[in-house]
Amino acid sequence: MRSQYTQKDVMNGDGYFYLDGYIMKHEDRDTVMLNDVIQTMSRRYTCLRPPGATGTSLVTTDGLVVYGDVRPPQGSPTCKELYTCEIENGHCVRTIHGEVRAVLNAAKLGLCTEGATVYTVLKPCYQCTKVLIAAGITKIVYAGVSYDEQRTNDILANAPHEIKLVRLDMKLDYGQGGLK
């Protein structure tokens, strides 16, 4: 994978990398990319809220990849640092969800999200789904479901463009210490 940024830049949302030709044309690119999210972003999870570690990558139509981890805005203490989450309606509101952070990171870098694919450990919540629709995402690939609200399904069905939802049958282990 080529990159004009360091791995640390990309992991922190300050850069992107290009998918190499092999992965771009790989017949099972969705599995390759979702495994990448599970292995890289889940280690950066800072929330204490179950079900456990999650994260997101966004792949543009040009094959540029940015990540989104679950953490509060820069400079704010994490749930792990404070030993508590700030829960409202089943969501930690101290953190920015990975899907939103990936879209924000793409915007910060001037990348077009129209037609992009999002790879995320868990199916996006209602708030994240609204952001993904507004960003022009056309495919969401995920491995598990934490919350599957009818209102989320309704806004997906009524989106102004088609959004393909793909659930991959991948085993997620949320034992002690999060995703393994």
N, C-alpha and C. Protein backbone atom coordinates (compact mmCIF):
# COMPACT_ATOMS: atom_id res chain seq x y z
N MET A 1 0.84 -1.18 0.00
CA MET A 1 0.00 0.00 0.00
C MET A 1 0.88 1.25 0.00
N ARG A 2 0.67 2.11 -0.96
CA ARG A 2 1.44 3.34 -1.05
C ARG A 2 0.83 4.41 -0.16
N SER A 3 1.65 5.30 0.34
CA SER A 3 1.15 6.39 1.16
C SER A 3 2.15 7.54 1.12
N GLN A 4 1.63 8.74 1.13
CA GLN A 4 2.51 9.89 1.27
C GLN A 4 2.58 10.31 2.73
N TYR A 5 1.89 9.59 3.57
CA TYR A 5 1.86 9.86 5.00
C TYR A 5 2.44 8.69 5.76
N THR A 6 2.83 8.92 6.99
CA THR A 6 3.30 7.83 7.83
C THR A 6 2.10 7.04 8.34
N GLN A 7 2.36 5.83 8.83
CA GLN A 7 1.29 5.02 9.41
C GLN A 7 0.65 5.76 10.58
N LYS A 8 1.46 6.44 11.38
CA LYS A 8 0.92 7.19 12.52
C LYS A 8 -0.01 8.30 12.03
N ASP A 9 0.38 9.01 10.97
CA ASP A 9 -0.48 10.05 10.41
C ASP A 9 -1.84 9.46 10.03
N VAL A 10 -1.81 8.35 9.32
CA VAL A 10 -3.05 7.73 8.84
C VAL A 10 -3.89 7.27 10.02
N MET A 11 -3.28 6.63 10.99
CA MET A 11 -4.01 6.13 12.16
C MET A 11 -4.63 7.28 12.97
N ASN A 12 -3.97 8.42 12.97
CA ASN A 12 -4.48 9.58 13.72
C ASN A 12 -5.45 10.43 12.92
N GLY A 13 -5.74 10.04 11.68
CA GLY A 13 -6.67 10.80 10.86
C GLY A 13 -6.03 11.99 10.18
N ASP A 14 -4.71 12.04 10.15
CA ASP A 14 -4.00 13.16 9.54
C ASP A 14 -3.41 12.80 8.18
N GLY A 15 -3.87 11.71 7.61
CA GLY A 15 -3.36 11.29 6.31
C GLY A 15 -4.20 10.16 5.75
N TYR A 16 -3.83 9.72 4.57
CA TYR A 16 -4.52 8.62 3.91
C TYR A 16 -3.49 7.75 3.21
N PHE A 17 -3.94 6.58 2.76
CA PHE A 17 -3.08 5.75 1.94
C PHE A 17 -3.89 5.25 0.75
N TYR A 18 -3.17 4.82 -0.28
CA TYR A 18 -3.79 4.26 -1.47
C TYR A 18 -3.83 2.75 -1.34
N LEU A 19 -4.96 2.16 -1.69
CA LEU A 19 -5.01 0.71 -1.77
C LEU A 19 -4.15 0.28 -2.95
N ASP A 20 -3.38 -0.78 -2.76
CA ASP A 20 -2.60 -1.25 -3.90
C ASP A 20 -3.52 -1.97 -4.89
N GLY A 21 -3.02 -2.17 -6.09
CA GLY A 21 -3.82 -2.76 -7.16
C GLY A 21 -4.37 -4.12 -6.81
N TYR A 22 -3.60 -4.92 -6.08
CA TYR A 22 -4.05 -6.25 -5.70
C TYR A 22 -5.33 -6.18 -4.87
N ILE A 23 -5.32 -5.32 -3.86
CA ILE A 23 -6.50 -5.22 -2.99
C ILE A 23 -7.67 -4.57 -3.75
N MET A 24 -7.38 -3.55 -4.56
CA MET A 24 -8.45 -2.89 -5.32
C MET A 24 -9.20 -3.90 -6.19
N LYS A 25 -8.49 -4.88 -6.74
CA LYS A 25 -9.10 -5.84 -7.66
C LYS A 25 -9.41 -7.17 -6.99
N HIS A 26 -9.09 -7.31 -5.71
CA HIS A 26 -9.28 -8.57 -5.00
C HIS A 26 -10.76 -8.94 -4.99
N GLU A 27 -11.05 -10.19 -5.29
CA GLU A 27 -12.44 -10.62 -5.37
C GLU A 27 -13.15 -10.54 -4.03
N ASP A 28 -12.42 -10.58 -2.94
CA ASP A 28 -13.02 -10.49 -1.61
C ASP A 28 -12.47 -9.28 -0.86
N ARG A 29 -12.43 -8.14 -1.55
CA ARG A 29 -11.90 -6.91 -0.95
C ARG A 29 -12.64 -6.54 0.34
N ASP A 30 -13.94 -6.80 0.38
CA ASP A 30 -14.70 -6.45 1.58
C ASP A 30 -14.16 -7.17 2.81
N THR A 31 -13.85 -8.45 2.70
CA THR A 31 -13.31 -9.20 3.83
C THR A 31 -11.92 -8.69 4.19
N VAL A 32 -11.09 -8.43 3.19
CA VAL A 32 -9.74 -7.91 3.45
C VAL A 32 -9.82 -6.59 4.21
N MET A 33 -10.67 -5.70 3.73
CA MET A 33 -10.75 -4.37 4.35
C MET A 33 -11.38 -4.41 5.74
N LEU A 34 -12.42 -5.23 5.92
CA LEU A 34 -13.05 -5.32 7.24
C LEU A 34 -12.09 -5.94 8.25
N ASN A 35 -11.33 -6.94 7.82
CA ASN A 35 -10.30 -7.51 8.71
C ASN A 35 -9.28 -6.46 9.10
N ASP A 36 -8.92 -5.59 8.16
CA ASP A 36 -7.99 -4.51 8.45
C ASP A 36 -8.54 -3.60 9.55
N VAL A 37 -9.81 -3.24 9.45
CA VAL A 37 -10.45 -2.39 10.46
C VAL A 37 -10.43 -3.08 11.81
N ILE A 38 -10.82 -4.35 11.83
CA ILE A 38 -10.87 -5.09 13.09
C ILE A 38 -9.49 -5.15 13.73
N GLN A 39 -8.46 -5.40 12.93
CA GLN A 39 -7.11 -5.54 13.47
C GLN A 39 -6.46 -4.21 13.85
N THR A 40 -6.74 -3.13 13.14
CA THR A 40 -6.04 -1.88 13.40
C THR A 40 -6.83 -0.93 14.29
N MET A 41 -8.05 -0.64 13.93
CA MET A 41 -8.79 0.40 14.65
C MET A 41 -9.32 -0.07 15.99
N SER A 42 -9.65 -1.34 16.11
CA SER A 42 -10.21 -1.82 17.37
C SER A 42 -9.23 -1.65 18.54
N ARG A 43 -7.93 -1.65 18.25
CA ARG A 43 -6.93 -1.44 19.31
C ARG A 43 -6.94 -0.01 19.83
N ARG A 44 -7.53 0.91 19.07
CA ARG A 44 -7.54 2.32 19.45
C ARG A 44 -8.82 2.72 20.19
N TYR A 45 -9.71 1.78 20.42
CA TYR A 45 -11.00 2.03 21.06
C TYR A 45 -10.80 2.53 22.49
N THR A 46 -11.40 3.66 22.85
CA THR A 46 -11.18 4.26 24.17
C THR A 46 -12.41 4.27 25.05
N CYS A 47 -13.53 3.80 24.54
CA CYS A 47 -14.78 3.80 25.30
C CYS A 47 -14.85 2.54 26.16
N LEU A 48 -15.57 2.60 27.25
CA LEU A 48 -15.75 1.45 28.12
C LEU A 48 -17.07 0.74 27.85
N ARG A 49 -17.92 1.33 27.02
CA ARG A 49 -19.26 0.82 26.75
C ARG A 49 -19.22 -0.48 25.96
N PRO A 50 -20.01 -1.46 26.36
CA PRO A 50 -20.14 -2.65 25.54
C PRO A 50 -20.80 -2.29 24.22
N PRO A 51 -20.65 -3.06 23.18
CA PRO A 51 -20.18 -4.44 23.18
C PRO A 51 -18.68 -4.58 23.10
N GLY A 52 -17.95 -3.55 22.76
CA GLY A 52 -16.50 -3.66 22.70
C GLY A 52 -15.92 -2.89 21.54
N ALA A 53 -14.67 -3.14 21.28
CA ALA A 53 -13.90 -2.36 20.33
C ALA A 53 -14.51 -2.32 18.94
N THR A 54 -14.47 -1.14 18.35
CA THR A 54 -14.96 -0.94 17.00
C THR A 54 -14.16 0.17 16.33
N GLY A 55 -14.38 0.37 15.08
CA GLY A 55 -13.70 1.40 14.31
C GLY A 55 -14.16 1.32 12.87
N THR A 56 -13.65 2.21 12.04
CA THR A 56 -14.15 2.35 10.68
C THR A 56 -13.03 2.72 9.73
N SER A 57 -13.14 2.26 8.49
CA SER A 57 -12.33 2.81 7.41
C SER A 57 -13.28 3.23 6.30
N LEU A 58 -12.87 4.26 5.59
CA LEU A 58 -13.64 4.78 4.46
C LEU A 58 -12.74 4.69 3.24
N VAL A 59 -13.23 4.06 2.18
CA VAL A 59 -12.46 3.89 0.95
C VAL A 59 -13.16 4.67 -0.16
N THR A 60 -12.48 5.67 -0.70
CA THR A 60 -13.05 6.48 -1.77
C THR A 60 -13.08 5.69 -3.07
N THR A 61 -13.76 6.22 -4.07
CA THR A 61 -13.81 5.56 -5.37
C THR A 61 -12.44 5.52 -6.04
N ASP A 62 -11.53 6.38 -5.60
CA ASP A 62 -10.15 6.40 -6.12
C ASP A 62 -9.22 5.45 -5.36
N GLY A 63 -9.75 4.74 -4.35
CA GLY A 63 -8.93 3.81 -3.59
C GLY A 63 -8.14 4.45 -2.48
N LEU A 64 -8.54 5.65 -2.05
CA LEU A 64 -7.88 6.30 -0.91
C LEU A 64 -8.57 5.85 0.37
N VAL A 65 -7.80 5.56 1.40
CA VAL A 65 -8.34 5.03 2.65
C VAL A 65 -8.03 5.98 3.79
N VAL A 66 -9.07 6.29 4.58
CA VAL A 66 -8.91 7.00 5.84
C VAL A 66 -9.58 6.16 6.92
N TYR A 67 -9.15 6.36 8.14
CA TYR A 67 -9.71 5.63 9.28
C TYR A 67 -10.51 6.56 10.17
N GLY A 68 -11.36 5.94 10.96
CA GLY A 68 -12.09 6.65 12.00
C GLY A 68 -12.14 5.79 13.24
N ASP A 69 -11.58 6.28 14.32
CA ASP A 69 -11.64 5.53 15.57
C ASP A 69 -12.68 6.14 16.48
N VAL A 70 -13.00 5.42 17.54
CA VAL A 70 -14.01 5.86 18.51
C VAL A 70 -13.28 6.49 19.68
N ARG A 71 -13.36 7.81 19.74
CA ARG A 71 -12.71 8.54 20.83
C ARG A 71 -13.29 9.94 20.88
N PRO A 72 -13.06 10.66 21.96
CA PRO A 72 -13.56 12.04 22.05
C PRO A 72 -12.74 12.97 21.15
N PRO A 73 -13.18 14.20 21.00
CA PRO A 73 -12.40 15.17 20.22
C PRO A 73 -10.99 15.32 20.81
N GLN A 74 -10.04 15.69 19.95
CA GLN A 74 -8.66 15.88 20.38
C GLN A 74 -8.63 16.83 21.58
N GLY A 75 -7.81 16.46 22.56
CA GLY A 75 -7.65 17.28 23.75
C GLY A 75 -8.60 16.93 24.88
N SER A 76 -9.63 16.16 24.61
CA SER A 76 -10.59 15.76 25.64
C SER A 76 -10.19 14.41 26.23
N PRO A 77 -10.43 14.21 27.52
CA PRO A 77 -10.08 12.93 28.12
C PRO A 77 -10.96 11.81 27.59
N THR A 78 -10.39 10.61 27.51
CA THR A 78 -11.14 9.45 27.05
C THR A 78 -11.91 8.82 28.20
N CYS A 79 -12.83 7.92 27.86
CA CYS A 79 -13.57 7.19 28.88
C CYS A 79 -12.62 6.36 29.73
N LYS A 80 -11.62 5.75 29.09
CA LYS A 80 -10.65 4.95 29.84
C LYS A 80 -9.87 5.81 30.82
N GLU A 81 -9.52 7.02 30.41
CA GLU A 81 -8.78 7.92 31.30
C GLU A 81 -9.64 8.36 32.49
N LEU A 82 -10.94 8.53 32.27
CA LEU A 82 -11.85 8.98 33.33
C LEU A 82 -12.50 7.82 34.07
N TYR A 83 -12.29 6.59 33.58
CA TYR A 83 -12.89 5.38 34.15
C TYR A 83 -14.41 5.40 34.13
N THR A 84 -15.01 6.13 33.19
CA THR A 84 -16.46 6.17 33.07
C THR A 84 -16.86 6.67 31.70
N CYS A 85 -18.02 6.21 31.26
CA CYS A 85 -18.58 6.69 29.99
C CYS A 85 -19.69 7.69 30.31
N GLU A 86 -20.06 8.44 29.31
CA GLU A 86 -21.17 9.40 29.43
C GLU A 86 -22.29 8.87 28.53
N ILE A 87 -23.18 8.05 29.11
CA ILE A 87 -24.18 7.31 28.35
C ILE A 87 -25.51 8.06 28.29
N GLU A 88 -26.03 8.20 27.06
CA GLU A 88 -27.38 8.71 26.82
C GLU A 88 -28.02 7.83 25.76
N ASN A 89 -29.18 7.28 26.07
CA ASN A 89 -29.90 6.41 25.14
C ASN A 89 -29.04 5.28 24.59
N GLY A 90 -28.23 4.69 25.45
CA GLY A 90 -27.41 3.55 25.05
C GLY A 90 -26.14 3.89 24.30
N HIS A 91 -25.85 5.17 24.11
CA HIS A 91 -24.66 5.59 23.38
C HIS A 91 -23.76 6.43 24.29
N CYS A 92 -22.47 6.25 24.13
CA CYS A 92 -21.53 7.11 24.83
C CYS A 92 -21.44 8.41 24.04
N VAL A 93 -21.86 9.50 24.64
CA VAL A 93 -21.86 10.79 23.95
C VAL A 93 -20.55 11.55 24.16
N ARG A 94 -19.63 10.99 24.91
CA ARG A 94 -18.32 11.61 25.05
C ARG A 94 -17.50 11.39 23.79
N THR A 95 -17.73 10.26 23.14
CA THR A 95 -16.93 9.88 21.97
C THR A 95 -17.59 10.30 20.66
N ILE A 96 -16.76 10.39 19.65
CA ILE A 96 -17.23 10.52 18.27
C ILE A 96 -17.14 9.12 17.68
N HIS A 97 -18.24 8.64 17.12
CA HIS A 97 -18.25 7.30 16.54
C HIS A 97 -17.31 7.23 15.34
N GLY A 98 -16.81 6.04 15.07
CA GLY A 98 -15.83 5.83 14.00
C GLY A 98 -16.32 6.25 12.63
N GLU A 99 -17.59 6.02 12.33
CA GLU A 99 -18.12 6.38 11.02
C GLU A 99 -18.05 7.89 10.80
N VAL A 100 -18.45 8.64 11.83
CA VAL A 100 -18.43 10.10 11.73
C VAL A 100 -16.99 10.60 11.65
N ARG A 101 -16.12 10.02 12.46
CA ARG A 101 -14.72 10.45 12.43
C ARG A 101 -14.08 10.17 11.08
N ALA A 102 -14.41 9.04 10.44
CA ALA A 102 -13.86 8.73 9.12
C ALA A 102 -14.31 9.76 8.09
N VAL A 103 -15.58 10.15 8.12
CA VAL A 103 -16.09 11.18 7.20
C VAL A 103 -15.40 12.51 7.50
N LEU A 104 -15.25 12.86 8.76
CA LEU A 104 -14.58 14.11 9.13
C LEU A 104 -13.12 14.10 8.69
N ASN A 105 -12.44 12.96 8.86
CA ASN A 105 -11.04 12.87 8.44
C ASN A 105 -10.92 13.02 6.92
N ALA A 106 -11.84 12.42 6.18
CA ALA A 106 -11.83 12.59 4.73
C ALA A 106 -12.04 14.05 4.35
N ALA A 107 -12.98 14.71 5.01
CA ALA A 107 -13.24 16.13 4.73
C ALA A 107 -12.02 16.99 5.05
N LYS A 108 -11.39 16.70 6.18
CA LYS A 108 -10.21 17.45 6.61
C LYS A 108 -9.09 17.36 5.58
N LEU A 109 -9.02 16.21 4.89
CA LEU A 109 -7.97 15.98 3.90
C LEU A 109 -8.42 16.33 2.48
N GLY A 110 -9.65 16.81 2.34
CA GLY A 110 -10.16 17.22 1.02
C GLY A 110 -10.51 16.06 0.11
N LEU A 111 -10.85 14.90 0.70
CA LEU A 111 -11.19 13.72 -0.09
C LEU A 111 -12.70 13.67 -0.34
N CYS A 112 -13.07 13.27 -1.53
CA CYS A 112 -14.48 13.15 -1.90
C CYS A 112 -15.04 11.84 -1.34
N THR A 113 -16.16 11.93 -0.63
CA THR A 113 -16.79 10.74 -0.06
C THR A 113 -17.95 10.23 -0.92
N GLU A 114 -18.32 10.97 -1.95
CA GLU A 114 -19.41 10.55 -2.84
C GLU A 114 -19.06 9.21 -3.48
N GLY A 115 -19.92 8.20 -3.28
CA GLY A 115 -19.71 6.88 -3.85
C GLY A 115 -18.75 6.00 -3.06
N ALA A 116 -18.29 6.47 -1.91
CA ALA A 116 -17.32 5.72 -1.11
C ALA A 116 -17.97 4.52 -0.40
N THR A 117 -17.11 3.62 0.06
CA THR A 117 -17.52 2.46 0.85
C THR A 117 -16.99 2.63 2.26
N VAL A 118 -17.82 2.29 3.23
CA VAL A 118 -17.43 2.34 4.64
C VAL A 118 -17.35 0.91 5.16
N TYR A 119 -16.24 0.60 5.84
CA TYR A 119 -16.04 -0.68 6.50
C TYR A 119 -16.05 -0.41 7.99
N THR A 120 -16.99 -1.01 8.70
CA THR A 120 -17.12 -0.73 10.12
C THR A 120 -17.44 -2.02 10.87
N VAL A 121 -16.89 -2.17 12.06
CA VAL A 121 -17.06 -3.40 12.81
C VAL A 121 -18.54 -3.66 13.08
N LEU A 122 -19.26 -2.63 13.52
CA LEU A 122 -20.68 -2.77 13.84
C LEU A 122 -21.53 -1.95 12.88
N LYS A 123 -22.74 -2.42 12.62
CA LYS A 123 -23.68 -1.68 11.78
C LYS A 123 -23.85 -0.28 12.39
N PRO A 124 -23.78 0.76 11.56
CA PRO A 124 -23.87 2.14 12.08
C PRO A 124 -25.18 2.40 12.81
N CYS A 125 -25.09 3.22 13.84
CA CYS A 125 -26.27 3.65 14.58
C CYS A 125 -27.04 4.69 13.74
N TYR A 126 -28.14 5.13 14.26
CA TYR A 126 -29.01 6.09 13.57
C TYR A 126 -28.26 7.39 13.25
N GLN A 127 -27.56 7.96 14.23
CA GLN A 127 -26.86 9.22 14.02
C GLN A 127 -25.76 9.08 12.97
N CYS A 128 -25.00 8.00 13.04
CA CYS A 128 -23.93 7.77 12.06
C CYS A 128 -24.50 7.53 10.67
N THR A 129 -25.60 6.81 10.60
CA THR A 129 -26.23 6.54 9.30
C THR A 129 -26.65 7.83 8.62
N LYS A 130 -27.17 8.78 9.39
CA LYS A 130 -27.54 10.08 8.80
C LYS A 130 -26.33 10.76 8.18
N VAL A 131 -25.21 10.71 8.87
CA VAL A 131 -23.97 11.32 8.35
C VAL A 131 -23.50 10.61 7.09
N LEU A 132 -23.56 9.28 7.09
CA LEU A 132 -23.11 8.52 5.93
C LEU A 132 -23.99 8.80 4.70
N ILE A 133 -25.29 8.93 4.92
CA ILE A 133 -26.18 9.29 3.81
C ILE A 133 -25.82 10.66 3.26
N ALA A 134 -25.65 11.62 4.15
CA ALA A 134 -25.32 12.99 3.74
C ALA A 134 -23.97 13.06 3.02
N ALA A 135 -23.03 12.16 3.39
CA ALA A 135 -21.70 12.15 2.77
C ALA A 135 -21.69 11.44 1.42
N GLY A 136 -22.80 10.82 1.03
CA GLY A 136 -22.88 10.16 -0.27
C GLY A 136 -22.32 8.75 -0.30
N ILE A 137 -22.17 8.13 0.88
CA ILE A 137 -21.67 6.76 0.95
C ILE A 137 -22.66 5.83 0.24
N THR A 138 -22.14 4.90 -0.57
CA THR A 138 -23.03 4.02 -1.31
C THR A 138 -22.95 2.55 -0.87
N LYS A 139 -22.00 2.23 0.01
CA LYS A 139 -21.89 0.86 0.49
C LYS A 139 -21.37 0.86 1.92
N ILE A 140 -22.02 0.07 2.77
CA ILE A 140 -21.62 -0.08 4.16
C ILE A 140 -21.40 -1.56 4.41
N VAL A 141 -20.19 -1.93 4.80
CA VAL A 141 -19.84 -3.32 5.09
C VAL A 141 -19.57 -3.42 6.59
N TYR A 142 -20.22 -4.38 7.26
CA TYR A 142 -20.06 -4.50 8.70
C TYR A 142 -20.07 -5.96 9.11
N ALA A 143 -19.62 -6.24 10.34
CA ALA A 143 -19.51 -7.61 10.82
C ALA A 143 -20.52 -7.97 11.90
N GLY A 144 -21.00 -7.00 12.64
CA GLY A 144 -21.92 -7.29 13.74
C GLY A 144 -22.92 -6.18 13.93
N VAL A 145 -23.88 -6.44 14.82
CA VAL A 145 -24.93 -5.46 15.10
C VAL A 145 -25.02 -5.27 16.61
N SER A 146 -24.93 -4.02 17.03
CA SER A 146 -25.12 -3.69 18.44
C SER A 146 -26.53 -3.16 18.66
N TYR A 147 -26.94 -2.29 17.76
CA TYR A 147 -28.30 -1.76 17.78
C TYR A 147 -28.82 -1.73 16.36
N ASP A 148 -30.03 -2.20 16.18
CA ASP A 148 -30.61 -2.28 14.85
C ASP A 148 -32.00 -1.66 14.92
N GLU A 149 -32.01 -0.34 14.98
CA GLU A 149 -33.26 0.38 15.16
C GLU A 149 -34.04 0.47 13.85
N GLN A 150 -35.35 0.43 13.95
CA GLN A 150 -36.20 0.55 12.77
C GLN A 150 -35.99 1.90 12.09
N ARG A 151 -35.78 2.96 12.87
CA ARG A 151 -35.60 4.28 12.27
C ARG A 151 -34.34 4.33 11.40
N THR A 152 -33.32 3.57 11.77
CA THR A 152 -32.11 3.49 10.94
C THR A 152 -32.44 2.82 9.61
N ASN A 153 -33.16 1.72 9.67
CA ASN A 153 -33.55 1.02 8.45
C ASN A 153 -34.44 1.90 7.57
N ASP A 154 -35.31 2.69 8.20
CA ASP A 154 -36.21 3.58 7.46
C ASP A 154 -35.45 4.67 6.71
N ILE A 155 -34.45 5.30 7.37
CA ILE A 155 -33.74 6.38 6.67
C ILE A 155 -32.84 5.80 5.56
N LEU A 156 -32.36 4.59 5.74
CA LEU A 156 -31.60 3.95 4.66
C LEU A 156 -32.51 3.68 3.46
N ALA A 157 -33.73 3.20 3.74
CA ALA A 157 -34.68 2.91 2.65
C ALA A 157 -35.10 4.18 1.92
N ASN A 158 -35.09 5.30 2.61
CA ASN A 158 -35.53 6.57 2.02
C ASN A 158 -34.38 7.47 1.59
N ALA A 159 -33.17 6.96 1.61
CA ALA A 159 -32.01 7.77 1.20
C ALA A 159 -32.16 8.19 -0.26
N PRO A 160 -31.61 9.36 -0.62
CA PRO A 160 -31.75 9.84 -1.99
C PRO A 160 -30.91 9.04 -3.00
N HIS A 161 -30.06 8.17 -2.52
CA HIS A 161 -29.26 7.30 -3.38
C HIS A 161 -29.24 5.91 -2.76
N GLU A 162 -28.99 4.90 -3.57
CA GLU A 162 -28.97 3.54 -3.06
C GLU A 162 -27.74 3.32 -2.19
N ILE A 163 -27.96 2.69 -1.06
CA ILE A 163 -26.86 2.33 -0.16
C ILE A 163 -26.93 0.82 0.06
N LYS A 164 -25.90 0.15 -0.37
CA LYS A 164 -25.84 -1.30 -0.23
C LYS A 164 -25.30 -1.64 1.15
N LEU A 165 -26.06 -2.43 1.91
CA LEU A 165 -25.63 -2.91 3.22
C LEU A 165 -25.14 -4.35 3.05
N VAL A 166 -23.93 -4.61 3.54
CA VAL A 166 -23.35 -5.94 3.43
C VAL A 166 -22.89 -6.37 4.81
N ARG A 167 -23.50 -7.44 5.32
CA ARG A 167 -23.04 -7.99 6.60
C ARG A 167 -22.20 -9.22 6.29
N LEU A 168 -20.95 -9.18 6.71
CA LEU A 168 -20.06 -10.32 6.53
C LEU A 168 -20.14 -11.21 7.75
N ASP A 169 -20.11 -12.47 7.53
CA ASP A 169 -20.18 -13.45 8.61
C ASP A 169 -18.79 -13.63 9.20
N MET A 170 -18.45 -12.73 10.10
CA MET A 170 -17.14 -12.78 10.74
C MET A 170 -17.35 -12.91 12.24
N LYS A 171 -16.57 -13.76 12.87
CA LYS A 171 -16.70 -13.96 14.31
C LYS A 171 -16.04 -12.80 15.04
N LEU A 172 -16.83 -12.16 15.88
CA LEU A 172 -16.31 -11.09 16.73
C LEU A 172 -16.26 -11.61 18.15
N ASP A 173 -15.11 -11.49 18.79
CA ASP A 173 -14.94 -11.96 20.16
C ASP A 173 -14.84 -10.74 21.06
N TYR A 174 -15.88 -10.52 21.84
CA TYR A 174 -15.89 -9.38 22.75
C TYR A 174 -15.63 -9.84 24.18
N GLY A 175 -14.64 -10.69 24.35
CA GLY A 175 -14.27 -11.14 25.69
C GLY A 175 -13.60 -10.02 26.46
N GLN A 176 -13.05 -10.32 27.60
CA GLN A 176 -12.36 -9.30 28.40
C GLN A 176 -11.28 -8.65 27.58
N GLY A 177 -11.24 -7.33 27.63
CA GLY A 177 -10.24 -6.59 26.89
C GLY A 177 -10.70 -6.19 25.51
N GLY A 178 -11.94 -6.51 25.16
CA GLY A 178 -12.48 -6.07 23.88
C GLY A 178 -12.32 -7.10 22.78
N LEU A 179 -12.31 -6.61 21.60
CA LEU A 179 -12.27 -7.46 20.40
C LEU A 179 -10.94 -8.18 20.30
N LYS A 180 -11.01 -9.46 19.96
CA LYS A 180 -9.79 -10.26 19.79
C LYS A 180 -9.77 -10.86 18.42
